Amino acid sequence: MSTAIMEAQLRAALDTDLELAKRGCRTRFHHPSGVGVEFKSTEVGVWHWTNGRFELLVDGKGPVVSVDTVAEATRYTRESLSG
């Protein structure tokens, strides 16, 4: 699938996750691609769809982790990025 489609699916999953919402998670699209993840107005990472996988960059470094699915990226965000 295209980068735009996969990143839109990830953003939708992150934005509708109830646990992330309780913790103050917000997302935004990066240009030209990527989904930025913020907690309390501080960006903690950016997910990119690259070569058929989601890769997480933190502080512009990475990938910190690579996962295959939207569900895995959402779970990692919930368990590892939200403090």
PDB file of N, CA and C in Angstrom:
ATOM      1  N   MET A   1       0.831  -1.183   0.000  1.00  0.00           N
ATOM      2  CA  MET A   1       0.000   0.000   0.000  1.00  0.00           C
ATOM      3  C   MET A   1       0.872   1.242   0.000  1.00  0.00           C
ATOM      4  N   SER A   2       0.250   2.335  -0.332  1.00  0.00           N
ATOM      5  CA  SER A   2       0.998   3.586  -0.414  1.00  0.00           C
ATOM      6  C   SER A   2       1.323   4.121   0.976  1.00  0.00           C
ATOM      7  N   THR A   3       2.360   4.928   1.019  1.00  0.00           N
ATOM      8  CA  THR A   3       2.779   5.551   2.270  1.00  0.00           C
ATOM      9  C   THR A   3       1.648   6.368   2.871  1.00  0.00           C
ATOM     10  N   ALA A   4       0.985   7.182   2.052  1.00  0.00           N
ATOM     11  CA  ALA A   4      -0.083   8.048   2.559  1.00  0.00           C
ATOM     12  C   ALA A   4      -1.218   7.237   3.174  1.00  0.00           C
ATOM     13  N   ILE A   5      -1.598   6.145   2.545  1.00  0.00           N
ATOM     14  CA  ILE A   5      -2.687   5.312   3.065  1.00  0.00           C
ATOM     15  C   ILE A   5      -2.290   4.677   4.392  1.00  0.00           C
ATOM     16  N   MET A   6      -1.112   4.093   4.444  1.00  0.00           N
ATOM     17  CA  MET A   6      -0.683   3.406   5.663  1.00  0.00           C
ATOM     18  C   MET A   6      -0.503   4.386   6.826  1.00  0.00           C
ATOM     19  N   GLU A   7       0.071   5.534   6.546  1.00  0.00           N
ATOM     20  CA  GLU A   7       0.250   6.519   7.620  1.00  0.00           C
ATOM     21  C   GLU A   7      -1.080   7.100   8.065  1.00  0.00           C
ATOM     22  N   ALA A   8      -2.038   7.238   7.157  1.00  0.00           N
ATOM     23  CA  ALA A   8      -3.377   7.699   7.540  1.00  0.00           C
ATOM     24  C   ALA A   8      -4.067   6.655   8.417  1.00  0.00           C
ATOM     25  N   GLN A   9      -3.890   5.374   8.106  1.00  0.00           N
ATOM     26  CA  GLN A   9      -4.471   4.314   8.933  1.00  0.00           C
ATOM     27  C   GLN A   9      -3.858   4.323  10.330  1.00  0.00           C
ATOM     28  N   LEU A  10      -2.545   4.523  10.411  1.00  0.00           N
ATOM     29  CA  LEU A  10      -1.895   4.572  11.708  1.00  0.00           C
ATOM     30  C   LEU A  10      -2.385   5.776  12.510  1.00  0.00           C
ATOM     31  N   ARG A  11      -2.451   6.917  11.871  1.00  0.00           N
ATOM     32  CA  ARG A  11      -2.907   8.115  12.587  1.00  0.00           C
ATOM     33  C   ARG A  11      -4.326   7.924  13.120  1.00  0.00           C
ATOM     34  N   ALA A  12      -5.195   7.342  12.313  1.00  0.00           N
ATOM     35  CA  ALA A  12      -6.570   7.095  12.752  1.00  0.00           C
ATOM     36  C   ALA A  12      -6.594   6.150  13.954  1.00  0.00           C
ATOM     37  N   ALA A  13      -5.770   5.115  13.923  1.00  0.00           N
ATOM     38  CA  ALA A  13      -5.722   4.165  15.039  1.00  0.00           C
ATOM     39  C   ALA A  13      -5.212   4.834  16.309  1.00  0.00           C
ATOM     40  N   LEU A  14      -4.173   5.635  16.196  1.00  0.00           N
ATOM     41  CA  LEU A  14      -3.633   6.328  17.356  1.00  0.00           C
ATOM     42  C   LEU A  14      -4.635   7.331  17.913  1.00  0.00           C
ATOM     43  N   ASP A  15      -5.311   8.050  17.029  1.00  0.00           N
ATOM     44  CA  ASP A  15      -6.263   9.084  17.455  1.00  0.00           C
ATOM     45  C   ASP A  15      -7.525   8.511  18.086  1.00  0.00           C
ATOM     46  N   THR A  16      -7.834   7.248  17.823  1.00  0.00           N
ATOM     47  CA  THR A  16      -9.056   6.656  18.374  1.00  0.00           C
ATOM     48  C   THR A  16      -8.776   5.666  19.504  1.00  0.00           C
ATOM     49  N   ASP A  17      -7.527   5.502  19.884  1.00  0.00           N
ATOM     50  CA  ASP A  17      -7.170   4.611  20.982  1.00  0.00           C
ATOM     51  C   ASP A  17      -7.527   5.295  22.306  1.00  0.00           C
ATOM     52  N   LEU A  18      -8.417   4.697  23.059  1.00  0.00           N
ATOM     53  CA  LEU A  18      -8.918   5.321  24.284  1.00  0.00           C
ATOM     54  C   LEU A  18      -7.833   5.515  25.337  1.00  0.00           C
ATOM     55  N   GLU A  19      -6.947   4.554  25.498  1.00  0.00           N
ATOM     56  CA  GLU A  19      -5.877   4.675  26.485  1.00  0.00           C
ATOM     57  C   GLU A  19      -4.930   5.817  26.122  1.00  0.00           C
ATOM     58  N   LEU A  20      -4.579   5.940  24.861  1.00  0.00           N
ATOM     59  CA  LEU A  20      -3.719   7.041  24.433  1.00  0.00           C
ATOM     60  C   LEU A  20      -4.416   8.380  24.638  1.00  0.00           C
ATOM     61  N   ALA A  21      -5.700   8.431  24.353  1.00  0.00           N
ATOM     62  CA  ALA A  21      -6.458   9.673  24.544  1.00  0.00           C
ATOM     63  C   ALA A  21      -6.447  10.096  26.008  1.00  0.00           C
ATOM     64  N   LYS A  22      -6.605   9.133  26.912  1.00  0.00           N
ATOM     65  CA  LYS A  22      -6.571   9.440  28.350  1.00  0.00           C
ATOM     66  C   LYS A  22      -5.228  10.028  28.771  1.00  0.00           C
ATOM     67  N   ARG A  23      -4.172   9.634  28.083  1.00  0.00           N
ATOM     68  CA  ARG A  23      -2.821  10.088  28.421  1.00  0.00           C
ATOM     69  C   ARG A  23      -2.436  11.380  27.697  1.00  0.00           C
ATOM     70  N   GLY A  24      -3.369  11.913  26.908  1.00  0.00           N
ATOM     71  CA  GLY A  24      -3.118  13.181  26.236  1.00  0.00           C
ATOM     72  C   GLY A  24      -2.351  13.066  24.932  1.00  0.00           C
ATOM     73  N   CYS A  25      -2.467  11.927  24.276  1.00  0.00           N
ATOM     74  CA  CYS A  25      -1.768  11.723  23.002  1.00  0.00           C
ATOM     75  C   CYS A  25      -2.461  12.484  21.878  1.00  0.00           C
ATOM     76  N   ARG A  26      -1.649  13.130  21.057  1.00  0.00           N
ATOM     77  CA  ARG A  26      -2.126  13.798  19.837  1.00  0.00           C
ATOM     78  C   ARG A  26      -1.182  13.414  18.717  1.00  0.00           C
ATOM     79  N   THR A  27      -1.688  13.420  17.509  1.00  0.00           N
ATOM     80  CA  THR A  27      -0.847  13.119  16.350  1.00  0.00           C
ATOM     81  C   THR A  27      -0.929  14.249  15.347  1.00  0.00           C
ATOM     82  N   ARG A  28       0.041  14.262  14.462  1.00  0.00           N
ATOM     83  CA  ARG A  28      -0.005  15.215  13.345  1.00  0.00           C
ATOM     84  C   ARG A  28       0.801  14.628  12.206  1.00  0.00           C
ATOM     85  N   PHE A  29       0.399  14.989  10.988  1.00  0.00           N
ATOM     86  CA  PHE A  29       1.155  14.544   9.820  1.00  0.00           C
ATOM     87  C   PHE A  29       2.390  15.410   9.658  1.00  0.00           C
ATOM     88  N   HIS A  30       3.489  14.789   9.300  1.00  0.00           N
ATOM     89  CA  HIS A  30       4.710  15.502   8.939  1.00  0.00           C
ATOM     90  C   HIS A  30       4.759  15.615   7.425  1.00  0.00           C
ATOM     91  N   HIS A  31       5.449  16.587   6.933  1.00  0.00           N
ATOM     92  CA  HIS A  31       5.597  16.762   5.490  1.00  0.00           C
ATOM     93  C   HIS A  31       7.015  16.348   5.099  1.00  0.00           C
ATOM     94  N   PRO A  32       7.260  15.534   4.124  1.00  0.00           N
ATOM     95  CA  PRO A  32       6.282  14.982   3.186  1.00  0.00           C
ATOM     96  C   PRO A  32       5.612  13.702   3.673  1.00  0.00           C
ATOM     97  N   SER A  33       6.128  13.080   4.747  1.00  0.00           N
ATOM     98  CA  SER A  33       5.462  11.889   5.272  1.00  0.00           C
ATOM     99  C   SER A  33       5.827  11.716   6.738  1.00  0.00           C
ATOM    100  N   GLY A  34       5.063  10.878   7.393  1.00  0.00           N
ATOM    101  CA  GLY A  34       5.318  10.578   8.794  1.00  0.00           C
ATOM    102  C   GLY A  34       4.157  10.997   9.675  1.00  0.00           C
ATOM    103  N   VAL A  35       4.027  10.312  10.806  1.00  0.00           N
ATOM    104  CA  VAL A  35       3.000  10.616  11.786  1.00  0.00           C
ATOM    105  C   VAL A  35       3.701  10.966  13.098  1.00  0.00           C
ATOM    106  N   GLY A  36       3.642  12.231  13.463  1.00  0.00           N
ATOM    107  CA  GLY A  36       4.234  12.673  14.716  1.00  0.00           C
ATOM    108  C   GLY A  36       3.339  12.329  15.881  1.00  0.00           C
ATOM    109  N   VAL A  37       3.943  11.872  16.976  1.00  0.00           N
ATOM    110  CA  VAL A  37       3.207  11.509  18.185  1.00  0.00           C
ATOM    111  C   VAL A  37       3.610  12.483  19.284  1.00  0.00           C
ATOM    112  N   GLU A  38       2.615  13.119  19.894  1.00  0.00           N
ATOM    113  CA  GLU A  38       2.857  14.096  20.957  1.00  0.00           C
ATOM    114  C   GLU A  38       2.111  13.703  22.222  1.00  0.00           C
ATOM    115  N   PHE A  39       2.753  13.933  23.353  1.00  0.00           N
ATOM    116  CA  PHE A  39       2.110  13.822  24.650  1.00  0.00           C
ATOM    117  C   PHE A  39       2.331  15.143  25.364  1.00  0.00           C
ATOM    118  N   LYS A  40       1.222  15.745  25.806  1.00  0.00           N
ATOM    119  CA  LYS A  40       1.278  17.039  26.491  1.00  0.00           C
ATOM    120  C   LYS A  40       2.076  18.065  25.687  1.00  0.00           C
ATOM    121  N   SER A  41       1.788  18.138  24.397  1.00  0.00           N
ATOM    122  CA  SER A  41       2.374  19.101  23.456  1.00  0.00           C
ATOM    123  C   SER A  41       3.864  18.907  23.195  1.00  0.00           C
ATOM    124  N   THR A  42       4.429  17.776  23.585  1.00  0.00           N
ATOM    125  CA  THR A  42       5.832  17.485  23.315  1.00  0.00           C
ATOM    126  C   THR A  42       5.917  16.297  22.376  1.00  0.00           C
ATOM    127  N   GLU A  43       6.544  16.509  21.235  1.00  0.00           N
ATOM    128  CA  GLU A  43       6.688  15.406  20.296  1.00  0.00           C
ATOM    129  C   GLU A  43       7.680  14.391  20.840  1.00  0.00           C
ATOM    130  N   VAL A  44       7.256  13.122  20.861  1.00  0.00           N
ATOM    131  CA  VAL A  44       8.097  12.059  21.401  1.00  0.00           C
ATOM    132  C   VAL A  44       8.611  11.106  20.332  1.00  0.00           C
ATOM    133  N   GLY A  45       8.066  11.193  19.131  1.00  0.00           N
ATOM    134  CA  GLY A  45       8.530  10.321  18.056  1.00  0.00           C
ATOM    135  C   GLY A  45       7.744  10.543  16.785  1.00  0.00           C
ATOM    136  N   VAL A  46       8.279   9.977  15.704  1.00  0.00           N
ATOM    137  CA  VAL A  46       7.616  10.056  14.403  1.00  0.00           C
ATOM    138  C   VAL A  46       7.647   8.667  13.771  1.00  0.00           C
ATOM    139  N   TRP A  47       6.473   8.177  13.423  1.00  0.00           N
ATOM    140  CA  TRP A  47       6.353   6.914  12.706  1.00  0.00           C
ATOM    141  C   TRP A  47       6.393   7.186  11.202  1.00  0.00           C
ATOM    142  N   HIS A  48       7.127   6.347  10.464  1.00  0.00           N
ATOM    143  CA  HIS A  48       7.185   6.411   8.997  1.00  0.00           C
ATOM    144  C   HIS A  48       6.873   5.034   8.434  1.00  0.00           C
ATOM    145  N   TRP A  49       6.148   5.011   7.334  1.00  0.00           N
ATOM    146  CA  TRP A  49       5.926   3.775   6.588  1.00  0.00           C
ATOM    147  C   TRP A  49       7.060   3.680   5.575  1.00  0.00           C
ATOM    148  N   THR A  50       7.939   2.691   5.751  1.00  0.00           N
ATOM    149  CA  THR A  50       9.125   2.559   4.913  1.00  0.00           C
ATOM    150  C   THR A  50       9.333   1.098   4.550  1.00  0.00           C
ATOM    151  N   ASN A  51       9.419   0.835   3.263  1.00  0.00           N
ATOM    152  CA  ASN A  51       9.693  -0.527   2.777  1.00  0.00           C
ATOM    153  C   ASN A  51       8.759  -1.572   3.382  1.00  0.00           C
ATOM    154  N   GLY A  52       7.483  -1.233   3.483  1.00  0.00           N
ATOM    155  CA  GLY A  52       6.487  -2.191   3.950  1.00  0.00           C
ATOM    156  C   GLY A  52       6.425  -2.383   5.447  1.00  0.00           C
ATOM    157  N   ARG A  53       7.028  -1.471   6.210  1.00  0.00           N
ATOM    158  CA  ARG A  53       7.010  -1.557   7.679  1.00  0.00           C
ATOM    159  C   ARG A  53       6.884  -0.158   8.262  1.00  0.00           C
ATOM    160  N   PHE A  54       6.397  -0.104   9.498  1.00  0.00           N
ATOM    161  CA  PHE A  54       6.402   1.148  10.237  1.00  0.00           C
ATOM    162  C   PHE A  54       7.707   1.229  11.009  1.00  0.00           C
ATOM    163  N   GLU A  55       8.375   2.367  10.899  1.00  0.00           N
ATOM    164  CA  GLU A  55       9.620   2.600  11.629  1.00  0.00           C
ATOM    165  C   GLU A  55       9.449   3.841  12.493  1.00  0.00           C
ATOM    166  N   LEU A  56       9.899   3.747  13.726  1.00  0.00           N
ATOM    167  CA  LEU A  56       9.784   4.848  14.667  1.00  0.00           C
ATOM    168  C   LEU A  56      11.123   5.548  14.817  1.00  0.00           C
ATOM    169  N   LEU A  57      11.103   6.861  14.647  1.00  0.00           N
ATOM    170  CA  LEU A  57      12.272   7.694  14.895  1.00  0.00           C
ATOM    171  C   LEU A  57      12.014   8.505  16.153  1.00  0.00           C
ATOM    172  N   VAL A  58      12.999   8.590  17.025  1.00  0.00           N
ATOM    173  CA  VAL A  58      12.907   9.389  18.238  1.00  0.00           C
ATOM    174  C   VAL A  58      14.071  10.363  18.227  1.00  0.00           C
ATOM    175  N   ASP A  59      13.772  11.636  18.418  1.00  0.00           N
ATOM    176  CA  ASP A  59      14.790  12.692  18.364  1.00  0.00           C
ATOM    177  C   ASP A  59      15.566  12.668  17.055  1.00  0.00           C
ATOM    178  N   GLY A  60      14.862  12.341  15.970  1.00  0.00           N
ATOM    179  CA  GLY A  60      15.494  12.317  14.652  1.00  0.00           C
ATOM    180  C   GLY A  60      16.438  11.153  14.427  1.00  0.00           C
ATOM    181  N   LYS A  61      16.490  10.235  15.371  1.00  0.00           N
ATOM    182  CA  LYS A  61      17.379   9.082  15.265  1.00  0.00           C
ATOM    183  C   LYS A  61      16.550   7.816  15.153  1.00  0.00           C
ATOM    184  N   GLY A  62      17.119   6.857  14.495  1.00  0.00           N
ATOM    185  CA  GLY A  62      16.384   5.603  14.440  1.00  0.00           C
ATOM    186  C   GLY A  62      16.688   4.834  13.197  1.00  0.00           C
ATOM    187  N   PRO A  63      15.909   3.835  12.910  1.00  0.00           N
ATOM    188  CA  PRO A  63      14.677   3.553  13.635  1.00  0.00           C
ATOM    189  C   PRO A  63      14.935   2.926  15.005  1.00  0.00           C
ATOM    190  N   VAL A  64      14.121   3.326  15.948  1.00  0.00           N
ATOM    191  CA  VAL A  64      14.166   2.759  17.291  1.00  0.00           C
ATOM    192  C   VAL A  64      13.553   1.362  17.260  1.00  0.00           C
ATOM    193  N   VAL A  65      12.478   1.251  16.508  1.00  0.00           N
ATOM    194  CA  VAL A  65      11.783  -0.021  16.378  1.00  0.00           C
ATOM    195  C   VAL A  65      11.134  -0.060  14.998  1.00  0.00           C
ATOM    196  N   SER A  66      11.003  -1.264  14.461  1.00  0.00           N
ATOM    197  CA  SER A  66      10.281  -1.476  13.206  1.00  0.00           C
ATOM    198  C   SER A  66       9.217  -2.533  13.466  1.00  0.00           C
ATOM    199  N   VAL A  67       7.998  -2.265  13.013  1.00  0.00           N
ATOM    200  CA  VAL A  67       6.892  -3.208  13.191  1.00  0.00           C
ATOM    201  C   VAL A  67       6.146  -3.339  11.879  1.00  0.00           C
ATOM    202  N   ASP A  68       5.356  -4.406  11.773  1.00  0.00           N
ATOM    203  CA  ASP A  68       4.686  -4.707  10.510  1.00  0.00           C
ATOM    204  C   ASP A  68       3.277  -4.147  10.379  1.00  0.00           C
ATOM    205  N   THR A  69       2.609  -3.898  11.489  1.00  0.00           N
ATOM    206  CA  THR A  69       1.186  -3.555  11.396  1.00  0.00           C
ATOM    207  C   THR A  69       0.838  -2.288  12.175  1.00  0.00           C
ATOM    208  N   VAL A  70      -0.322  -1.757  11.843  1.00  0.00           N
ATOM    209  CA  VAL A  70      -0.872  -0.611  12.569  1.00  0.00           C
ATOM    210  C   VAL A  70      -1.084  -0.985  14.035  1.00  0.00           C
ATOM    211  N   ALA A  71      -1.594  -2.183  14.285  1.00  0.00           N
ATOM    212  CA  ALA A  71      -1.847  -2.621  15.663  1.00  0.00           C
ATOM    213  C   ALA A  71      -0.553  -2.674  16.467  1.00  0.00           C
ATOM    214  N   GLU A  72       0.511  -3.176  15.874  1.00  0.00           N
ATOM    215  CA  GLU A  72       1.789  -3.241  16.585  1.00  0.00           C
ATOM    216  C   GLU A  72       2.339  -1.844  16.873  1.00  0.00           C
ATOM    217  N   ALA A  73       2.216  -0.942  15.916  1.00  0.00           N
ATOM    218  CA  ALA A  73       2.695   0.428  16.122  1.00  0.00           C
ATOM    219  C   ALA A  73       1.879   1.129  17.201  1.00  0.00           C
ATOM    220  N   THR A  74       0.583   0.891  17.216  1.00  0.00           N
ATOM    221  CA  THR A  74      -0.278   1.478  18.239  1.00  0.00           C
ATOM    222  C   THR A  74       0.084   0.929  19.614  1.00  0.00           C
ATOM    223  N   ARG A  75       0.261  -0.376  19.701  1.00  0.00           N
ATOM    224  CA  ARG A  75       0.627  -1.000  20.980  1.00  0.00           C
ATOM    225  C   ARG A  75       1.972  -0.475  21.466  1.00  0.00           C
ATOM    226  N   TYR A  76       2.960  -0.372  20.576  1.00  0.00           N
ATOM    227  CA  TYR A  76       4.275   0.131  20.979  1.00  0.00           C
ATOM    228  C   TYR A  76       4.156   1.576  21.475  1.00  0.00           C
ATOM    229  N   THR A  77       3.366   2.384  20.786  1.00  0.00           N
ATOM    230  CA  THR A  77       3.169   3.773  21.198  1.00  0.00           C
ATOM    231  C   THR A  77       2.561   3.819  22.595  1.00  0.00           C
ATOM    232  N   ARG A  78       1.560   2.989  22.831  1.00  0.00           N
ATOM    233  CA  ARG A  78       0.885   2.963  24.127  1.00  0.00           C
ATOM    234  C   ARG A  78       1.827   2.498  25.235  1.00  0.00           C
ATOM    235  N   GLU A  79       2.611   1.467  24.968  1.00  0.00           N
ATOM    236  CA  GLU A  79       3.441   0.853  26.009  1.00  0.00           C
ATOM    237  C   GLU A  79       4.786   1.549  26.212  1.00  0.00           C
ATOM    238  N   SER A  80       5.331   2.171  25.173  1.00  0.00           N
ATOM    239  CA  SER A  80       6.703   2.672  25.276  1.00  0.00           C
ATOM    240  C   SER A  80       6.873   4.174  25.147  1.00  0.00           C
ATOM    241  N   LEU A  81       5.936   4.850  24.513  1.00  0.00           N
ATOM    242  CA  LEU A  81       6.106   6.275  24.286  1.00  0.00           C
ATOM    243  C   LEU A  81       5.311   7.154  25.236  1.00  0.00           C
ATOM    244  N   SER A  82       4.297   6.598  25.850  1.00  0.00           N
ATOM    245  CA  SER A  82       3.390   7.447  26.621  1.00  0.00           C
ATOM    246  C   SER A  82       3.826   7.662  28.063  1.00  0.00           C
ATOM    247  N   GLY A  83       4.969   7.104  28.430  1.00  0.00           N
ATOM    248  CA  GLY A  83       5.520   7.329  29.768  1.00  0.00           C
ATOM    249  C   GLY A  83       4.733   6.639  30.780  1.00  0.00           C
TER     250      GLY A  83
END
